[in-house]
Amino acid sequence: MADFDMVLKCWGPVEADYAAYGSLVLTRLFTEHPDTQKLFPKFTGIAQGDLAADAGVSAHGATVLKKLGELLRAKGNHAAILKPLANSHATKHKIPINNFKLIAEVIGTVMGEKAGLDAGGQQALRNVMAVVITDMEADYKQLGFTG
């Protein structure tokens, strides 16, 4: 519980502007890990220099962060939120589980720079995301997706 609360303490700025934070997160993810951009067919043709200004990138980033907010507020009781997410990401989008680890690190970095999430808070986010990703990986295995 403490880890969830620690992250939620700094969630206000993210929640106040999901689109801006979402743009920062996805732009940094695609810049630092260029292979991840290929996992988003609608973003593959966007040059790295144009990512930050792209409305679609901002909108999708906002969607990612809204879902993360739901998971954080669930404080570990997230099966009902996570199952459909795992299902779509395994069966439809075919997103390898490692990519969730990459985006979790990027979210922690962006929150550290822009939302006041200190080193302890970033570790708390890693702890929370480790649980979420482990549960998601179990859902992936049930679905027969080992990506």
N, C-alpha and C. Protein backbone atom coordinates (compact mmCIF):
# COMPACT_ATOMS: atom_id res chain seq x y z
N MET A 1 0.82 -1.20 0.00
CA MET A 1 0.00 0.00 0.00
C MET A 1 0.86 1.26 0.00
N ALA A 2 1.92 1.24 0.78
CA ALA A 2 2.77 2.43 0.90
C ALA A 2 3.34 2.85 -0.45
N ASP A 3 3.73 1.88 -1.27
CA ASP A 3 4.28 2.20 -2.59
C ASP A 3 3.24 2.91 -3.46
N PHE A 4 2.02 2.39 -3.45
CA PHE A 4 0.95 3.01 -4.24
C PHE A 4 0.72 4.45 -3.77
N ASP A 5 0.64 4.62 -2.46
CA ASP A 5 0.39 5.95 -1.89
C ASP A 5 1.52 6.93 -2.23
N MET A 6 2.75 6.43 -2.21
CA MET A 6 3.90 7.28 -2.52
C MET A 6 3.83 7.80 -3.95
N VAL A 7 3.44 6.95 -4.87
CA VAL A 7 3.32 7.37 -6.27
C VAL A 7 2.11 8.28 -6.44
N LEU A 8 1.00 7.91 -5.83
CA LEU A 8 -0.22 8.70 -5.96
C LEU A 8 -0.05 10.12 -5.40
N LYS A 9 0.85 10.26 -4.44
CA LYS A 9 1.13 11.57 -3.84
C LYS A 9 1.61 12.56 -4.92
N CYS A 10 2.27 12.07 -5.94
CA CYS A 10 2.79 12.91 -7.03
C CYS A 10 1.99 12.76 -8.32
N TRP A 11 0.85 12.11 -8.25
CA TRP A 11 0.06 11.83 -9.45
C TRP A 11 -0.75 13.05 -9.91
N GLY A 12 -1.02 13.99 -9.02
CA GLY A 12 -1.85 15.16 -9.34
C GLY A 12 -1.44 15.90 -10.60
N PRO A 13 -0.16 16.27 -10.75
CA PRO A 13 0.24 16.97 -11.97
C PRO A 13 0.01 16.15 -13.24
N VAL A 14 0.21 14.85 -13.15
CA VAL A 14 -0.01 13.97 -14.31
C VAL A 14 -1.50 13.99 -14.66
N GLU A 15 -2.32 13.80 -13.64
CA GLU A 15 -3.77 13.76 -13.82
C GLU A 15 -4.31 15.09 -14.36
N ALA A 16 -3.67 16.18 -13.98
CA ALA A 16 -4.10 17.51 -14.41
C ALA A 16 -3.82 17.75 -15.89
N ASP A 17 -2.87 17.01 -16.47
CA ASP A 17 -2.54 17.20 -17.88
C ASP A 17 -2.03 15.89 -18.48
N TYR A 18 -2.95 14.93 -18.58
CA TYR A 18 -2.58 13.62 -19.13
C TYR A 18 -1.94 13.74 -20.51
N ALA A 19 -2.46 14.62 -21.36
CA ALA A 19 -1.95 14.72 -22.74
C ALA A 19 -0.49 15.18 -22.76
N ALA A 20 -0.16 16.19 -21.97
CA ALA A 20 1.22 16.69 -21.96
C ALA A 20 2.17 15.63 -21.41
N TYR A 21 1.80 15.02 -20.30
CA TYR A 21 2.65 13.97 -19.72
C TYR A 21 2.72 12.76 -20.66
N GLY A 22 1.60 12.42 -21.27
CA GLY A 22 1.57 11.30 -22.20
C GLY A 22 2.49 11.53 -23.38
N SER A 23 2.50 12.75 -23.88
CA SER A 23 3.40 13.09 -24.97
C SER A 23 4.85 12.97 -24.54
N LEU A 24 5.17 13.49 -23.36
CA LEU A 24 6.54 13.38 -22.84
C LEU A 24 6.97 11.93 -22.70
N VAL A 25 6.08 11.10 -22.17
CA VAL A 25 6.41 9.69 -21.93
C VAL A 25 6.64 8.95 -23.25
N LEU A 26 5.70 9.05 -24.18
CA LEU A 26 5.86 8.30 -25.43
C LEU A 26 6.99 8.85 -26.28
N THR A 27 7.15 10.16 -26.31
CA THR A 27 8.26 10.74 -27.07
C THR A 27 9.59 10.24 -26.53
N ARG A 28 9.73 10.23 -25.22
CA ARG A 28 10.99 9.75 -24.63
C ARG A 28 11.15 8.25 -24.87
N LEU A 29 10.08 7.48 -24.72
CA LEU A 29 10.15 6.04 -24.97
C LEU A 29 10.64 5.77 -26.39
N PHE A 30 10.04 6.45 -27.37
CA PHE A 30 10.40 6.23 -28.77
C PHE A 30 11.80 6.74 -29.08
N THR A 31 12.24 7.77 -28.39
CA THR A 31 13.57 8.33 -28.61
C THR A 31 14.65 7.45 -27.98
N GLU A 32 14.41 7.02 -26.74
CA GLU A 32 15.40 6.21 -26.03
C GLU A 32 15.40 4.75 -26.47
N HIS A 33 14.25 4.28 -26.93
CA HIS A 33 14.10 2.88 -27.36
C HIS A 33 13.39 2.87 -28.72
N PRO A 34 14.10 3.25 -29.79
CA PRO A 34 13.47 3.43 -31.10
C PRO A 34 12.67 2.22 -31.60
N ASP A 35 13.06 1.02 -31.21
CA ASP A 35 12.32 -0.17 -31.66
C ASP A 35 10.88 -0.17 -31.15
N THR A 36 10.63 0.51 -30.03
CA THR A 36 9.26 0.51 -29.48
C THR A 36 8.30 1.25 -30.39
N GLN A 37 8.77 2.22 -31.14
CA GLN A 37 7.88 2.98 -32.02
C GLN A 37 7.25 2.07 -33.07
N LYS A 38 7.98 1.03 -33.47
CA LYS A 38 7.47 0.10 -34.48
C LYS A 38 6.27 -0.69 -33.97
N LEU A 39 6.09 -0.76 -32.66
CA LEU A 39 4.97 -1.50 -32.08
C LEU A 39 3.65 -0.72 -32.19
N PHE A 40 3.74 0.53 -32.62
CA PHE A 40 2.58 1.40 -32.76
C PHE A 40 2.44 1.76 -34.23
N PRO A 41 1.71 0.94 -34.99
CA PRO A 41 1.65 1.16 -36.44
C PRO A 41 1.29 2.59 -36.85
N LYS A 42 0.42 3.24 -36.09
CA LYS A 42 0.01 4.59 -36.51
C LYS A 42 1.09 5.64 -36.25
N PHE A 43 2.16 5.26 -35.53
CA PHE A 43 3.23 6.22 -35.25
C PHE A 43 4.53 5.93 -36.01
N THR A 44 4.57 4.85 -36.78
CA THR A 44 5.83 4.44 -37.41
C THR A 44 6.36 5.47 -38.41
N GLY A 45 5.49 6.22 -39.05
CA GLY A 45 5.95 7.18 -40.04
C GLY A 45 6.30 8.55 -39.48
N ILE A 46 6.19 8.72 -38.19
CA ILE A 46 6.46 10.03 -37.59
C ILE A 46 7.94 10.13 -37.25
N ALA A 47 8.57 11.18 -37.76
CA ALA A 47 9.99 11.42 -37.46
C ALA A 47 10.14 11.74 -35.98
N GLN A 48 11.26 11.34 -35.40
CA GLN A 48 11.47 11.57 -33.96
C GLN A 48 11.31 13.04 -33.58
N GLY A 49 11.75 13.93 -34.43
CA GLY A 49 11.63 15.36 -34.14
C GLY A 49 10.20 15.87 -34.13
N ASP A 50 9.29 15.09 -34.71
CA ASP A 50 7.89 15.50 -34.79
C ASP A 50 7.00 14.82 -33.76
N LEU A 51 7.55 13.89 -33.00
CA LEU A 51 6.74 13.12 -32.05
C LEU A 51 6.07 14.01 -31.01
N ALA A 52 6.83 14.91 -30.41
CA ALA A 52 6.31 15.73 -29.30
C ALA A 52 5.11 16.57 -29.72
N ALA A 53 5.05 16.96 -30.98
CA ALA A 53 3.96 17.82 -31.44
C ALA A 53 2.78 17.04 -32.02
N ASP A 54 2.91 15.73 -32.09
CA ASP A 54 1.86 14.92 -32.72
C ASP A 54 0.69 14.68 -31.76
N ALA A 55 -0.50 15.07 -32.20
CA ALA A 55 -1.70 14.94 -31.36
C ALA A 55 -2.02 13.48 -31.06
N GLY A 56 -1.76 12.59 -32.00
CA GLY A 56 -2.02 11.16 -31.79
C GLY A 56 -1.12 10.57 -30.71
N VAL A 57 0.13 10.99 -30.70
CA VAL A 57 1.08 10.53 -29.68
C VAL A 57 0.61 11.01 -28.30
N SER A 58 0.22 12.28 -28.23
CA SER A 58 -0.28 12.83 -26.95
C SER A 58 -1.52 12.09 -26.48
N ALA A 59 -2.44 11.86 -27.40
CA ALA A 59 -3.69 11.18 -27.04
C ALA A 59 -3.44 9.76 -26.56
N HIS A 60 -2.56 9.03 -27.25
CA HIS A 60 -2.30 7.66 -26.81
C HIS A 60 -1.54 7.66 -25.48
N GLY A 61 -0.61 8.58 -25.33
CA GLY A 61 0.09 8.70 -24.05
C GLY A 61 -0.87 8.99 -22.91
N ALA A 62 -1.86 9.84 -23.18
CA ALA A 62 -2.88 10.15 -22.17
C ALA A 62 -3.65 8.89 -21.79
N THR A 63 -3.99 8.08 -22.78
CA THR A 63 -4.71 6.82 -22.53
C THR A 63 -3.88 5.90 -21.63
N VAL A 64 -2.59 5.80 -21.93
CA VAL A 64 -1.69 4.95 -21.14
C VAL A 64 -1.67 5.43 -19.68
N LEU A 65 -1.53 6.73 -19.48
CA LEU A 65 -1.42 7.26 -18.13
C LEU A 65 -2.75 7.20 -17.36
N LYS A 66 -3.86 7.36 -18.06
CA LYS A 66 -5.17 7.21 -17.39
C LYS A 66 -5.32 5.78 -16.88
N LYS A 67 -4.92 4.81 -17.69
CA LYS A 67 -5.01 3.40 -17.27
C LYS A 67 -4.07 3.14 -16.10
N LEU A 68 -2.88 3.73 -16.14
CA LEU A 68 -1.95 3.58 -15.03
C LEU A 68 -2.56 4.19 -13.76
N GLY A 69 -3.22 5.32 -13.89
CA GLY A 69 -3.88 5.94 -12.74
C GLY A 69 -4.92 4.99 -12.14
N GLU A 70 -5.69 4.33 -12.99
CA GLU A 70 -6.67 3.34 -12.50
C GLU A 70 -5.97 2.23 -11.73
N LEU A 71 -4.88 1.74 -12.30
CA LEU A 71 -4.13 0.65 -11.65
C LEU A 71 -3.56 1.11 -10.31
N LEU A 72 -3.04 2.33 -10.26
CA LEU A 72 -2.50 2.86 -9.00
C LEU A 72 -3.58 2.98 -7.94
N ARG A 73 -4.74 3.51 -8.33
CA ARG A 73 -5.83 3.68 -7.35
C ARG A 73 -6.40 2.35 -6.88
N ALA A 74 -6.24 1.30 -7.69
CA ALA A 74 -6.71 -0.03 -7.29
C ALA A 74 -5.83 -0.63 -6.19
N LYS A 75 -4.63 -0.09 -6.04
CA LYS A 75 -3.70 -0.50 -4.97
C LYS A 75 -3.52 -2.01 -4.87
N GLY A 76 -3.28 -2.63 -6.02
CA GLY A 76 -3.00 -4.06 -6.03
C GLY A 76 -4.21 -4.93 -6.33
N ASN A 77 -5.40 -4.38 -6.17
CA ASN A 77 -6.62 -5.12 -6.46
C ASN A 77 -7.02 -4.79 -7.91
N HIS A 78 -6.15 -5.17 -8.86
CA HIS A 78 -6.26 -4.68 -10.22
C HIS A 78 -6.61 -5.74 -11.28
N ALA A 79 -6.97 -6.92 -10.87
CA ALA A 79 -7.22 -7.99 -11.85
C ALA A 79 -8.28 -7.59 -12.87
N ALA A 80 -9.35 -6.98 -12.44
CA ALA A 80 -10.44 -6.60 -13.36
C ALA A 80 -9.99 -5.53 -14.36
N ILE A 81 -9.04 -4.71 -13.98
CA ILE A 81 -8.51 -3.68 -14.87
C ILE A 81 -7.47 -4.29 -15.80
N LEU A 82 -6.65 -5.15 -15.25
CA LEU A 82 -5.49 -5.67 -15.97
C LEU A 82 -5.84 -6.74 -17.00
N LYS A 83 -6.80 -7.61 -16.70
CA LYS A 83 -7.11 -8.72 -17.61
C LYS A 83 -7.46 -8.25 -19.03
N PRO A 84 -8.39 -7.29 -19.18
CA PRO A 84 -8.70 -6.85 -20.55
C PRO A 84 -7.50 -6.17 -21.23
N LEU A 85 -6.71 -5.46 -20.45
CA LEU A 85 -5.51 -4.80 -20.97
C LEU A 85 -4.51 -5.85 -21.47
N ALA A 86 -4.28 -6.87 -20.66
CA ALA A 86 -3.37 -7.95 -21.05
C ALA A 86 -3.90 -8.67 -22.29
N ASN A 87 -5.20 -8.90 -22.31
CA ASN A 87 -5.82 -9.59 -23.44
C ASN A 87 -5.59 -8.82 -24.74
N SER A 88 -5.87 -7.52 -24.75
CA SER A 88 -5.71 -6.75 -25.98
C SER A 88 -4.25 -6.62 -26.38
N HIS A 89 -3.36 -6.46 -25.38
CA HIS A 89 -1.96 -6.26 -25.70
C HIS A 89 -1.27 -7.57 -26.13
N ALA A 90 -1.81 -8.70 -25.69
CA ALA A 90 -1.25 -9.99 -26.09
C ALA A 90 -1.83 -10.45 -27.42
N THR A 91 -3.15 -10.38 -27.55
CA THR A 91 -3.79 -10.99 -28.72
C THR A 91 -3.93 -10.06 -29.91
N LYS A 92 -4.16 -8.79 -29.66
CA LYS A 92 -4.38 -7.84 -30.76
C LYS A 92 -3.10 -7.08 -31.12
N HIS A 93 -2.48 -6.47 -30.13
CA HIS A 93 -1.33 -5.59 -30.39
C HIS A 93 0.01 -6.33 -30.39
N LYS A 94 0.05 -7.51 -29.76
CA LYS A 94 1.27 -8.34 -29.70
C LYS A 94 2.47 -7.58 -29.11
N ILE A 95 2.25 -6.97 -27.94
CA ILE A 95 3.28 -6.17 -27.28
C ILE A 95 4.07 -7.06 -26.31
N PRO A 96 5.36 -7.28 -26.57
CA PRO A 96 6.17 -8.08 -25.65
C PRO A 96 6.21 -7.45 -24.26
N ILE A 97 6.20 -8.28 -23.25
CA ILE A 97 6.11 -7.83 -21.86
C ILE A 97 7.26 -6.88 -21.48
N ASN A 98 8.42 -7.06 -22.06
CA ASN A 98 9.56 -6.21 -21.73
C ASN A 98 9.27 -4.73 -22.01
N ASN A 99 8.40 -4.46 -22.96
CA ASN A 99 8.09 -3.07 -23.29
C ASN A 99 7.36 -2.36 -22.15
N PHE A 100 6.67 -3.10 -21.32
CA PHE A 100 6.02 -2.49 -20.15
C PHE A 100 7.07 -2.08 -19.13
N LYS A 101 8.15 -2.85 -19.06
CA LYS A 101 9.25 -2.48 -18.17
C LYS A 101 9.92 -1.21 -18.67
N LEU A 102 10.11 -1.10 -19.97
CA LEU A 102 10.73 0.09 -20.54
C LEU A 102 9.88 1.34 -20.29
N ILE A 103 8.57 1.24 -20.55
CA ILE A 103 7.73 2.42 -20.38
C ILE A 103 7.59 2.78 -18.90
N ALA A 104 7.62 1.78 -18.02
CA ALA A 104 7.55 2.06 -16.59
C ALA A 104 8.74 2.90 -16.15
N GLU A 105 9.93 2.57 -16.65
CA GLU A 105 11.13 3.35 -16.32
C GLU A 105 11.02 4.78 -16.86
N VAL A 106 10.51 4.91 -18.07
CA VAL A 106 10.35 6.23 -18.67
C VAL A 106 9.35 7.05 -17.86
N ILE A 107 8.25 6.44 -17.45
CA ILE A 107 7.25 7.15 -16.65
C ILE A 107 7.88 7.63 -15.35
N GLY A 108 8.67 6.79 -14.71
CA GLY A 108 9.35 7.18 -13.47
C GLY A 108 10.29 8.35 -13.68
N THR A 109 11.03 8.33 -14.77
CA THR A 109 11.96 9.42 -15.08
C THR A 109 11.20 10.72 -15.33
N VAL A 110 10.16 10.66 -16.16
CA VAL A 110 9.38 11.86 -16.47
C VAL A 110 8.71 12.40 -15.20
N MET A 111 8.16 11.52 -14.38
CA MET A 111 7.54 11.99 -13.13
C MET A 111 8.58 12.58 -12.18
N GLY A 112 9.78 12.05 -12.21
CA GLY A 112 10.85 12.61 -11.40
C GLY A 112 11.21 14.01 -11.84
N GLU A 113 11.26 14.22 -13.14
CA GLU A 113 11.64 15.52 -13.69
C GLU A 113 10.52 16.54 -13.60
N LYS A 114 9.28 16.11 -13.79
CA LYS A 114 8.18 17.06 -13.97
C LYS A 114 7.12 17.06 -12.87
N ALA A 115 7.03 15.99 -12.09
CA ALA A 115 5.93 15.88 -11.11
C ALA A 115 6.42 15.75 -9.68
N GLY A 116 7.72 15.87 -9.47
CA GLY A 116 8.25 15.84 -8.11
C GLY A 116 8.37 14.46 -7.49
N LEU A 117 8.39 13.42 -8.32
CA LEU A 117 8.55 12.06 -7.79
C LEU A 117 10.03 11.85 -7.47
N ASP A 118 10.36 11.81 -6.19
CA ASP A 118 11.76 11.70 -5.77
C ASP A 118 12.26 10.26 -5.96
N ALA A 119 13.52 10.03 -5.59
CA ALA A 119 14.13 8.71 -5.79
C ALA A 119 13.33 7.61 -5.10
N GLY A 120 12.86 7.87 -3.89
CA GLY A 120 12.04 6.88 -3.18
C GLY A 120 10.73 6.62 -3.91
N GLY A 121 10.14 7.67 -4.45
CA GLY A 121 8.90 7.53 -5.21
C GLY A 121 9.12 6.76 -6.50
N GLN A 122 10.28 7.00 -7.13
CA GLN A 122 10.58 6.27 -8.36
C GLN A 122 10.78 4.78 -8.06
N GLN A 123 11.39 4.48 -6.92
CA GLN A 123 11.53 3.08 -6.52
C GLN A 123 10.17 2.48 -6.20
N ALA A 124 9.30 3.26 -5.58
CA ALA A 124 7.94 2.80 -5.28
C ALA A 124 7.20 2.49 -6.59
N LEU A 125 7.38 3.34 -7.60
CA LEU A 125 6.75 3.08 -8.89
C LEU A 125 7.31 1.80 -9.51
N ARG A 126 8.62 1.59 -9.40
CA ARG A 126 9.22 0.34 -9.91
C ARG A 126 8.59 -0.86 -9.20
N ASN A 127 8.42 -0.75 -7.88
CA ASN A 127 7.83 -1.85 -7.11
C ASN A 127 6.41 -2.14 -7.56
N VAL A 128 5.62 -1.08 -7.72
CA VAL A 128 4.23 -1.22 -8.16
C VAL A 128 4.19 -1.84 -9.55
N MET A 129 5.01 -1.32 -10.43
CA MET A 129 5.00 -1.81 -11.81
C MET A 129 5.52 -3.24 -11.91
N ALA A 130 6.43 -3.63 -11.03
CA ALA A 130 6.90 -5.02 -11.03
C ALA A 130 5.75 -5.97 -10.75
N VAL A 131 4.88 -5.61 -9.81
CA VAL A 131 3.71 -6.44 -9.49
C VAL A 131 2.75 -6.45 -10.67
N VAL A 132 2.46 -5.28 -11.22
CA VAL A 132 1.53 -5.18 -12.35
C VAL A 132 2.05 -6.00 -13.53
N ILE A 133 3.33 -5.85 -13.84
CA ILE A 133 3.91 -6.54 -14.99
C ILE A 133 3.96 -8.05 -14.76
N THR A 134 4.25 -8.48 -13.55
CA THR A 134 4.24 -9.91 -13.23
C THR A 134 2.83 -10.48 -13.42
N ASP A 135 1.83 -9.75 -12.95
CA ASP A 135 0.44 -10.21 -13.12
C ASP A 135 0.04 -10.22 -14.59
N MET A 136 0.51 -9.21 -15.32
CA MET A 136 0.20 -9.15 -16.75
C MET A 136 0.87 -10.31 -17.50
N GLU A 137 2.09 -10.61 -17.09
CA GLU A 137 2.81 -11.72 -17.71
C GLU A 137 2.09 -13.04 -17.47
N ALA A 138 1.52 -13.20 -16.29
CA ALA A 138 0.74 -14.41 -15.99
C ALA A 138 -0.49 -14.49 -16.91
N ASP A 139 -1.14 -13.33 -17.11
CA ASP A 139 -2.28 -13.29 -18.03
C ASP A 139 -1.83 -13.63 -19.45
N TYR A 140 -0.68 -13.09 -19.86
CA TYR A 140 -0.13 -13.39 -21.18
C TYR A 140 0.05 -14.90 -21.34
N LYS A 141 0.62 -15.54 -20.32
CA LYS A 141 0.89 -17.00 -20.40
C LYS A 141 -0.42 -17.77 -20.52
N GLN A 142 -1.44 -17.34 -19.78
CA GLN A 142 -2.75 -17.99 -19.88
C GLN A 142 -3.30 -17.90 -21.30
N LEU A 143 -2.99 -16.79 -21.96
CA LEU A 143 -3.46 -16.57 -23.32
C LEU A 143 -2.55 -17.23 -24.36
N GLY A 144 -1.44 -17.80 -23.89
CA GLY A 144 -0.52 -18.47 -24.81
C GLY A 144 0.41 -17.51 -25.54
N PHE A 145 0.54 -16.28 -25.04
CA PHE A 145 1.42 -15.29 -25.67
C PHE A 145 2.68 -15.17 -24.83
N THR A 146 3.81 -15.45 -25.45
CA THR A 146 5.07 -15.41 -24.70
C THR A 146 5.99 -14.31 -25.21
N GLY A 147 5.45 -13.36 -25.93
CA GLY A 147 6.24 -12.28 -26.53
C GLY A 147 7.00 -11.45 -25.56
